[in-house]
């Protein structure tokens, strides 16, 4: 796995805040490797499009990023995963690094798409209800 603490700001350059965050996830939160990998990819994707330091990012910075993701037709579940990573990261920064304001606190995410339930046709319902009648009855033992 690629080192999640690498900052895409330059070759070999490390993002110390992200590195500390991933250590926190692994040691204190006992997060799975898959969660850490997903969060690392989210932070790296954001960094590849935005060079503003983490502590200077504003709500508008993330709103613009969200709009960019939506314009590129990313799935809502993907966008929500990205922002779950950002929220956890900024909660960490507020608690551990004394960041005064969480830029994601007031940001609203797109709701997940609701899928309609599968509905049976009248013929399927009739077949389902008549199925027990089509079964051969086994002889019951005498009581």
N, C-alpha and C. Protein backbone atom coordinates (compact mmCIF):
# COMPACT_ATOMS: atom_id res chain seq x y z
N UNK A 1 0.85 -1.18 0.00
CA UNK A 1 0.00 0.00 0.00
C UNK A 1 0.89 1.24 0.00
N UNK A 2 0.48 2.20 -0.76
CA UNK A 2 1.19 3.46 -0.79
C UNK A 2 1.09 4.13 0.57
N UNK A 3 2.16 4.79 0.99
CA UNK A 3 2.17 5.45 2.29
C UNK A 3 1.09 6.52 2.32
N UNK A 4 0.10 6.41 3.23
CA UNK A 4 -1.00 7.36 3.24
C UNK A 4 -0.60 8.75 3.67
N UNK A 5 0.58 8.92 4.22
CA UNK A 5 0.99 10.24 4.71
C UNK A 5 1.74 11.05 3.68
N UNK A 6 1.89 10.52 2.47
CA UNK A 6 2.58 11.26 1.44
C UNK A 6 1.72 12.41 0.97
N UNK A 7 2.29 13.56 0.86
CA UNK A 7 1.57 14.74 0.38
C UNK A 7 1.88 14.88 -1.10
N UNK A 8 0.86 15.09 -1.88
CA UNK A 8 1.09 15.23 -3.31
C UNK A 8 1.63 16.61 -3.67
N UNK A 9 2.02 17.39 -2.66
CA UNK A 9 2.56 18.71 -2.92
C UNK A 9 3.95 18.68 -3.53
N UNK A 10 4.56 17.52 -3.59
CA UNK A 10 5.87 17.41 -4.18
C UNK A 10 6.41 16.02 -3.94
N UNK A 11 7.41 15.59 -4.72
CA UNK A 11 7.92 14.24 -4.57
C UNK A 11 8.59 14.05 -3.21
N UNK A 12 8.15 13.01 -2.50
CA UNK A 12 8.77 12.68 -1.23
C UNK A 12 8.37 13.59 -0.08
N UNK A 13 7.56 14.60 -0.35
CA UNK A 13 7.14 15.52 0.69
C UNK A 13 6.05 14.86 1.52
N UNK A 14 6.14 15.00 2.84
CA UNK A 14 5.19 14.31 3.72
C UNK A 14 4.24 15.31 4.37
N UNK A 15 3.02 14.87 4.54
CA UNK A 15 1.99 15.66 5.19
C UNK A 15 1.95 15.22 6.65
N UNK A 16 2.58 15.98 7.52
CA UNK A 16 2.72 15.59 8.93
C UNK A 16 1.37 15.47 9.63
N UNK A 17 0.42 16.37 9.32
CA UNK A 17 -0.91 16.29 9.94
C UNK A 17 -1.62 15.01 9.53
N UNK A 18 -1.56 14.69 8.26
CA UNK A 18 -2.20 13.46 7.78
C UNK A 18 -1.53 12.23 8.39
N UNK A 19 -0.22 12.26 8.47
CA UNK A 19 0.51 11.13 9.05
C UNK A 19 0.09 10.90 10.49
N UNK A 20 -0.02 11.96 11.25
CA UNK A 20 -0.45 11.86 12.65
C UNK A 20 -1.90 11.37 12.73
N UNK A 21 -2.74 11.84 11.82
CA UNK A 21 -4.14 11.43 11.76
C UNK A 21 -4.26 9.92 11.50
N UNK A 22 -3.48 9.41 10.54
CA UNK A 22 -3.55 7.98 10.23
C UNK A 22 -3.04 7.13 11.40
N UNK A 23 -2.03 7.64 12.09
CA UNK A 23 -1.53 6.94 13.28
C UNK A 23 -2.63 6.90 14.34
N UNK A 24 -3.33 8.01 14.52
CA UNK A 24 -4.45 8.10 15.47
C UNK A 24 -5.55 7.09 15.10
N UNK A 25 -5.90 7.04 13.81
CA UNK A 25 -6.93 6.09 13.37
C UNK A 25 -6.53 4.66 13.67
N UNK A 26 -5.29 4.34 13.38
CA UNK A 26 -4.81 2.97 13.55
C UNK A 26 -4.68 2.59 15.02
N UNK A 27 -4.04 3.43 15.82
CA UNK A 27 -3.72 3.08 17.19
C UNK A 27 -4.89 3.33 18.15
N UNK A 28 -5.46 4.53 18.09
CA UNK A 28 -6.48 4.88 19.08
C UNK A 28 -7.89 4.48 18.67
N UNK A 29 -8.18 4.58 17.39
CA UNK A 29 -9.54 4.24 16.94
C UNK A 29 -9.63 2.80 16.46
N UNK A 30 -8.49 2.13 16.32
CA UNK A 30 -8.44 0.75 15.85
C UNK A 30 -9.18 0.58 14.52
N UNK A 31 -8.98 1.53 13.62
CA UNK A 31 -9.63 1.50 12.32
C UNK A 31 -9.01 0.42 11.45
N UNK A 32 -9.81 -0.13 10.57
CA UNK A 32 -9.32 -1.18 9.68
C UNK A 32 -8.38 -0.59 8.64
N UNK A 33 -7.57 -1.45 8.07
CA UNK A 33 -6.65 -1.01 7.01
C UNK A 33 -7.44 -0.45 5.83
N UNK A 34 -8.60 -1.02 5.57
CA UNK A 34 -9.44 -0.55 4.45
C UNK A 34 -9.95 0.88 4.72
N UNK A 35 -10.34 1.15 5.95
CA UNK A 35 -10.80 2.51 6.31
C UNK A 35 -9.66 3.50 6.16
N UNK A 36 -8.50 3.15 6.66
CA UNK A 36 -7.35 4.04 6.57
C UNK A 36 -6.99 4.29 5.12
N UNK A 37 -7.02 3.25 4.31
CA UNK A 37 -6.72 3.40 2.88
C UNK A 37 -7.74 4.32 2.20
N UNK A 38 -9.03 4.14 2.51
CA UNK A 38 -10.08 4.97 1.91
C UNK A 38 -9.91 6.43 2.33
N UNK A 39 -9.63 6.66 3.61
CA UNK A 39 -9.43 8.03 4.09
C UNK A 39 -8.18 8.65 3.47
N UNK A 40 -7.13 7.86 3.33
CA UNK A 40 -5.91 8.37 2.71
C UNK A 40 -6.16 8.76 1.25
N UNK A 41 -6.91 7.93 0.55
CA UNK A 41 -7.23 8.25 -0.85
C UNK A 41 -8.07 9.53 -0.94
N UNK A 42 -8.99 9.71 0.01
CA UNK A 42 -9.82 10.91 0.02
C UNK A 42 -8.97 12.16 0.23
N UNK A 43 -8.09 12.10 1.24
CA UNK A 43 -7.24 13.27 1.51
C UNK A 43 -6.30 13.55 0.35
N UNK A 44 -5.77 12.49 -0.25
CA UNK A 44 -4.85 12.65 -1.37
C UNK A 44 -5.58 13.22 -2.60
N UNK A 45 -6.81 12.77 -2.84
CA UNK A 45 -7.58 13.28 -3.98
C UNK A 45 -7.86 14.77 -3.80
N UNK A 46 -8.20 15.16 -2.58
CA UNK A 46 -8.43 16.57 -2.30
C UNK A 46 -7.15 17.37 -2.50
N UNK A 47 -6.03 16.85 -1.99
CA UNK A 47 -4.74 17.53 -2.10
C UNK A 47 -4.30 17.68 -3.56
N UNK A 48 -4.65 16.72 -4.40
CA UNK A 48 -4.23 16.79 -5.80
C UNK A 48 -4.92 17.94 -6.53
N UNK A 49 -6.06 18.41 -6.00
CA UNK A 49 -6.80 19.50 -6.64
C UNK A 49 -6.72 20.81 -5.87
N UNK A 50 -6.19 20.77 -4.65
CA UNK A 50 -6.20 21.95 -3.81
C UNK A 50 -4.90 22.03 -3.01
N UNK A 51 -4.25 23.18 -3.07
CA UNK A 51 -2.96 23.31 -2.39
C UNK A 51 -3.04 24.17 -1.13
N UNK A 52 -4.25 24.60 -0.76
CA UNK A 52 -4.41 25.39 0.46
C UNK A 52 -4.06 24.51 1.66
N UNK A 53 -3.24 24.99 2.60
CA UNK A 53 -2.92 24.18 3.78
C UNK A 53 -4.19 23.78 4.53
N UNK A 54 -4.15 22.61 5.16
CA UNK A 54 -5.33 22.06 5.84
C UNK A 54 -5.95 23.07 6.82
N UNK A 55 -5.11 23.75 7.56
CA UNK A 55 -5.62 24.65 8.59
C UNK A 55 -6.19 25.95 8.02
N UNK A 56 -6.00 26.19 6.73
CA UNK A 56 -6.53 27.40 6.11
C UNK A 56 -7.72 27.12 5.18
N UNK A 57 -8.10 25.87 5.05
CA UNK A 57 -9.25 25.52 4.21
C UNK A 57 -10.53 26.07 4.85
N UNK A 58 -11.41 26.56 4.01
CA UNK A 58 -12.67 27.12 4.49
C UNK A 58 -13.83 26.24 4.04
N UNK A 59 -15.00 26.57 4.54
CA UNK A 59 -16.21 25.86 4.11
C UNK A 59 -16.36 25.99 2.60
N UNK A 60 -16.06 27.16 2.07
CA UNK A 60 -16.19 27.38 0.63
C UNK A 60 -15.20 26.51 -0.16
N UNK A 61 -14.03 26.28 0.39
CA UNK A 61 -13.04 25.41 -0.26
C UNK A 61 -13.63 24.03 -0.47
N UNK A 62 -14.27 23.50 0.58
CA UNK A 62 -14.86 22.17 0.49
C UNK A 62 -16.15 22.18 -0.32
N UNK A 63 -16.89 23.26 -0.28
CA UNK A 63 -18.11 23.38 -1.10
C UNK A 63 -17.72 23.33 -2.59
N UNK A 64 -16.65 24.04 -2.95
CA UNK A 64 -16.18 24.03 -4.33
C UNK A 64 -15.73 22.63 -4.75
N UNK A 65 -15.04 21.93 -3.84
CA UNK A 65 -14.58 20.57 -4.12
C UNK A 65 -15.78 19.64 -4.30
N UNK A 66 -16.78 19.79 -3.45
CA UNK A 66 -18.00 18.99 -3.56
C UNK A 66 -18.68 19.23 -4.90
N UNK A 67 -18.77 20.49 -5.29
CA UNK A 67 -19.38 20.83 -6.58
C UNK A 67 -18.60 20.21 -7.73
N UNK A 68 -17.28 20.23 -7.63
CA UNK A 68 -16.42 19.63 -8.65
C UNK A 68 -16.68 18.13 -8.78
N UNK A 69 -16.80 17.45 -7.64
CA UNK A 69 -17.08 16.01 -7.65
C UNK A 69 -18.44 15.72 -8.26
N UNK A 70 -19.42 16.55 -7.93
CA UNK A 70 -20.76 16.34 -8.47
C UNK A 70 -20.79 16.59 -9.97
N UNK A 71 -20.05 17.61 -10.43
CA UNK A 71 -19.98 17.90 -11.86
C UNK A 71 -19.32 16.76 -12.62
N UNK A 72 -18.37 16.06 -11.98
CA UNK A 72 -17.69 14.95 -12.65
C UNK A 72 -18.49 13.65 -12.53
N UNK A 73 -19.74 13.79 -12.06
CA UNK A 73 -20.70 12.67 -12.00
C UNK A 73 -20.24 11.52 -11.09
N UNK A 74 -19.58 11.87 -9.99
CA UNK A 74 -19.20 10.85 -9.01
C UNK A 74 -20.45 10.39 -8.27
N UNK A 75 -20.46 9.14 -7.87
CA UNK A 75 -21.59 8.60 -7.13
C UNK A 75 -21.74 9.32 -5.79
N UNK A 76 -22.97 9.47 -5.35
CA UNK A 76 -23.21 10.15 -4.07
C UNK A 76 -22.55 9.39 -2.92
N UNK A 77 -22.52 8.08 -3.01
CA UNK A 77 -21.88 7.30 -1.95
C UNK A 77 -20.38 7.59 -1.89
N UNK A 78 -19.76 7.79 -3.05
CA UNK A 78 -18.34 8.14 -3.09
C UNK A 78 -18.11 9.51 -2.46
N UNK A 79 -18.96 10.46 -2.79
CA UNK A 79 -18.83 11.82 -2.24
C UNK A 79 -19.01 11.78 -0.73
N UNK A 80 -19.97 11.01 -0.26
CA UNK A 80 -20.20 10.90 1.18
C UNK A 80 -19.01 10.25 1.88
N UNK A 81 -18.39 9.26 1.26
CA UNK A 81 -17.19 8.64 1.84
C UNK A 81 -16.05 9.65 1.93
N UNK A 82 -15.88 10.44 0.88
CA UNK A 82 -14.84 11.47 0.89
C UNK A 82 -15.05 12.42 2.08
N UNK A 83 -16.28 12.87 2.23
CA UNK A 83 -16.54 13.84 3.28
C UNK A 83 -16.56 13.22 4.67
N UNK A 84 -16.79 11.95 4.77
CA UNK A 84 -16.65 11.26 6.04
C UNK A 84 -15.18 11.32 6.48
N UNK A 85 -14.30 11.11 5.53
CA UNK A 85 -12.86 11.19 5.82
C UNK A 85 -12.48 12.61 6.24
N UNK A 86 -12.98 13.61 5.53
CA UNK A 86 -12.66 15.00 5.86
C UNK A 86 -13.21 15.38 7.24
N UNK A 87 -14.44 14.97 7.52
CA UNK A 87 -15.04 15.29 8.82
C UNK A 87 -14.23 14.69 9.96
N UNK A 88 -13.87 13.43 9.82
CA UNK A 88 -13.09 12.76 10.86
C UNK A 88 -11.74 13.46 11.03
N UNK A 89 -11.13 13.81 9.91
CA UNK A 89 -9.84 14.49 9.93
C UNK A 89 -9.94 15.83 10.65
N UNK A 90 -10.97 16.62 10.33
CA UNK A 90 -11.10 17.94 10.95
C UNK A 90 -11.53 17.84 12.42
N UNK A 91 -12.29 16.83 12.78
CA UNK A 91 -12.58 16.63 14.20
C UNK A 91 -11.29 16.33 14.96
N UNK A 92 -10.42 15.55 14.32
CA UNK A 92 -9.11 15.26 14.90
C UNK A 92 -8.32 16.57 15.05
N UNK A 93 -8.30 17.40 14.02
CA UNK A 93 -7.55 18.66 14.08
C UNK A 93 -8.09 19.59 15.15
N UNK A 94 -9.41 19.65 15.30
CA UNK A 94 -10.00 20.51 16.32
C UNK A 94 -9.64 20.00 17.71
N UNK A 95 -9.73 18.69 17.91
CA UNK A 95 -9.47 18.12 19.24
C UNK A 95 -7.99 18.09 19.59
N UNK A 96 -7.15 17.72 18.64
CA UNK A 96 -5.73 17.50 18.95
C UNK A 96 -4.81 18.65 18.57
N UNK A 97 -5.15 19.37 17.55
CA UNK A 97 -4.26 20.41 17.04
C UNK A 97 -4.80 21.81 17.30
N UNK A 98 -5.83 21.88 18.12
CA UNK A 98 -6.42 23.14 18.56
C UNK A 98 -6.85 24.04 17.39
N UNK A 99 -7.34 23.42 16.33
CA UNK A 99 -7.91 24.20 15.23
C UNK A 99 -9.19 24.83 15.76
N UNK A 100 -9.36 26.12 15.53
CA UNK A 100 -10.50 26.82 16.13
C UNK A 100 -11.82 26.51 15.46
N UNK A 101 -11.85 26.46 14.14
CA UNK A 101 -13.11 26.25 13.43
C UNK A 101 -13.01 25.05 12.50
N UNK A 102 -14.06 24.25 12.50
CA UNK A 102 -14.16 23.10 11.62
C UNK A 102 -14.90 23.55 10.35
N UNK A 103 -14.22 23.63 9.22
CA UNK A 103 -14.87 24.14 8.00
C UNK A 103 -15.96 23.21 7.47
N UNK A 104 -16.02 21.98 7.93
CA UNK A 104 -17.03 21.05 7.43
C UNK A 104 -18.27 20.99 8.31
N UNK A 105 -18.23 21.66 9.44
CA UNK A 105 -19.32 21.56 10.41
C UNK A 105 -20.67 21.93 9.81
N UNK A 106 -20.72 22.96 9.00
CA UNK A 106 -22.00 23.45 8.46
C UNK A 106 -22.24 23.04 7.01
N UNK A 107 -21.42 22.15 6.49
CA UNK A 107 -21.56 21.75 5.09
C UNK A 107 -22.57 20.61 4.97
N UNK A 108 -23.54 20.77 4.08
CA UNK A 108 -24.56 19.75 3.84
C UNK A 108 -24.14 18.90 2.65
N UNK A 109 -24.28 17.60 2.80
CA UNK A 109 -23.92 16.67 1.73
C UNK A 109 -25.17 16.25 0.96
N UNK A 110 -24.98 15.80 -0.28
CA UNK A 110 -26.14 15.31 -1.03
C UNK A 110 -26.67 14.04 -0.36
N UNK A 111 -27.99 13.91 -0.36
CA UNK A 111 -28.59 12.72 0.24
C UNK A 111 -28.34 11.52 -0.65
N UNK A 112 -28.30 10.35 -0.02
CA UNK A 112 -28.13 9.12 -0.79
C UNK A 112 -29.37 8.88 -1.64
N UNK A 113 -29.15 8.31 -2.79
CA UNK A 113 -30.28 7.99 -3.66
C UNK A 113 -31.08 6.86 -3.04
N UNK A 114 -32.38 7.02 -3.04
CA UNK A 114 -33.24 5.96 -2.52
C UNK A 114 -33.75 5.15 -3.70
N UNK A 115 -33.57 3.85 -3.59
CA UNK A 115 -34.03 2.98 -4.66
C UNK A 115 -35.43 2.50 -4.34
N UNK A 116 -36.25 2.41 -5.36
CA UNK A 116 -37.62 1.93 -5.17
C UNK A 116 -37.60 0.44 -4.87
N UNK A 117 -38.53 -0.01 -4.04
CA UNK A 117 -38.58 -1.45 -3.74
C UNK A 117 -39.03 -2.25 -4.95
N UNK A 118 -38.63 -3.50 -4.97
CA UNK A 118 -39.04 -4.40 -6.04
C UNK A 118 -40.48 -4.80 -5.79
N UNK A 119 -41.33 -4.65 -6.80
CA UNK A 119 -42.75 -4.96 -6.67
C UNK A 119 -43.08 -6.16 -7.54
N UNK A 120 -43.80 -7.11 -6.95
CA UNK A 120 -44.20 -8.31 -7.70
C UNK A 120 -45.40 -8.00 -8.58
N UNK A 121 -45.46 -8.68 -9.72
CA UNK A 121 -46.62 -8.53 -10.59
C UNK A 121 -47.77 -9.36 -10.02
N UNK A 122 -48.96 -9.14 -10.53
CA UNK A 122 -50.14 -9.89 -10.05
C UNK A 122 -49.94 -11.39 -10.31
N UNK A 123 -49.38 -11.73 -11.47
CA UNK A 123 -49.14 -13.13 -11.82
C UNK A 123 -48.15 -13.76 -10.83
N UNK A 124 -47.07 -13.04 -10.49
CA UNK A 124 -46.09 -13.55 -9.53
C UNK A 124 -46.71 -13.77 -8.16
N UNK A 125 -47.59 -12.87 -7.75
CA UNK A 125 -48.26 -13.01 -6.46
C UNK A 125 -49.15 -14.24 -6.47
N UNK A 126 -49.93 -14.43 -7.57
CA UNK A 126 -50.80 -15.60 -7.68
C UNK A 126 -49.99 -16.89 -7.63
N UNK A 127 -48.86 -16.93 -8.35
CA UNK A 127 -48.01 -18.13 -8.35
C UNK A 127 -47.45 -18.39 -6.95
N UNK A 128 -47.05 -17.35 -6.27
CA UNK A 128 -46.51 -17.49 -4.93
C UNK A 128 -47.56 -18.04 -3.95
N UNK A 129 -48.78 -17.51 -4.05
CA UNK A 129 -49.84 -17.96 -3.15
C UNK A 129 -50.33 -19.37 -3.46
N UNK A 130 -50.25 -19.76 -4.72
CA UNK A 130 -50.73 -21.09 -5.09
C UNK A 130 -49.65 -22.17 -4.96
N UNK A 131 -48.42 -21.79 -4.72
CA UNK A 131 -47.32 -22.75 -4.63
C UNK A 131 -47.55 -23.82 -3.56
N UNK A 132 -48.04 -23.49 -2.36
CA UNK A 132 -48.26 -24.56 -1.36
C UNK A 132 -49.32 -25.58 -1.80
N UNK A 133 -50.26 -25.15 -2.61
CA UNK A 133 -51.31 -26.05 -3.08
C UNK A 133 -50.78 -27.05 -4.10
N UNK A 134 -49.69 -26.70 -4.79
CA UNK A 134 -49.12 -27.57 -5.82
C UNK A 134 -48.20 -28.63 -5.24
N UNK A 135 -47.81 -28.50 -3.99
CA UNK A 135 -46.92 -29.46 -3.35
C UNK A 135 -47.69 -30.71 -2.94
N UNK A 136 -47.06 -31.86 -3.12
CA UNK A 136 -47.67 -33.10 -2.66
C UNK A 136 -47.62 -33.12 -1.15
N UNK A 137 -48.71 -33.56 -0.58
CA UNK A 137 -48.74 -33.64 0.88
C UNK A 137 -48.16 -34.98 1.31
N UNK A 138 -47.28 -34.93 2.28
CA UNK A 138 -46.71 -36.18 2.79
C UNK A 138 -47.67 -36.70 3.86
N UNK A 139 -47.63 -37.99 4.02
CA UNK A 139 -48.52 -38.57 5.02
C UNK A 139 -47.98 -38.25 6.40
N UNK A 140 -48.86 -37.82 7.20
CA UNK A 140 -48.49 -37.49 8.57
C UNK A 140 -48.49 -38.76 9.42
N UNK A 141 -47.58 -38.83 10.34
CA UNK A 141 -47.52 -39.99 11.23
C UNK A 141 -48.69 -39.95 12.21
N UNK A 142 -49.15 -41.12 12.58
CA UNK A 142 -50.26 -41.18 13.53
C UNK A 142 -49.80 -40.68 14.89
N UNK A 143 -50.65 -39.96 15.56
CA UNK A 143 -50.26 -39.42 16.85
C UNK A 143 -50.65 -40.31 17.99
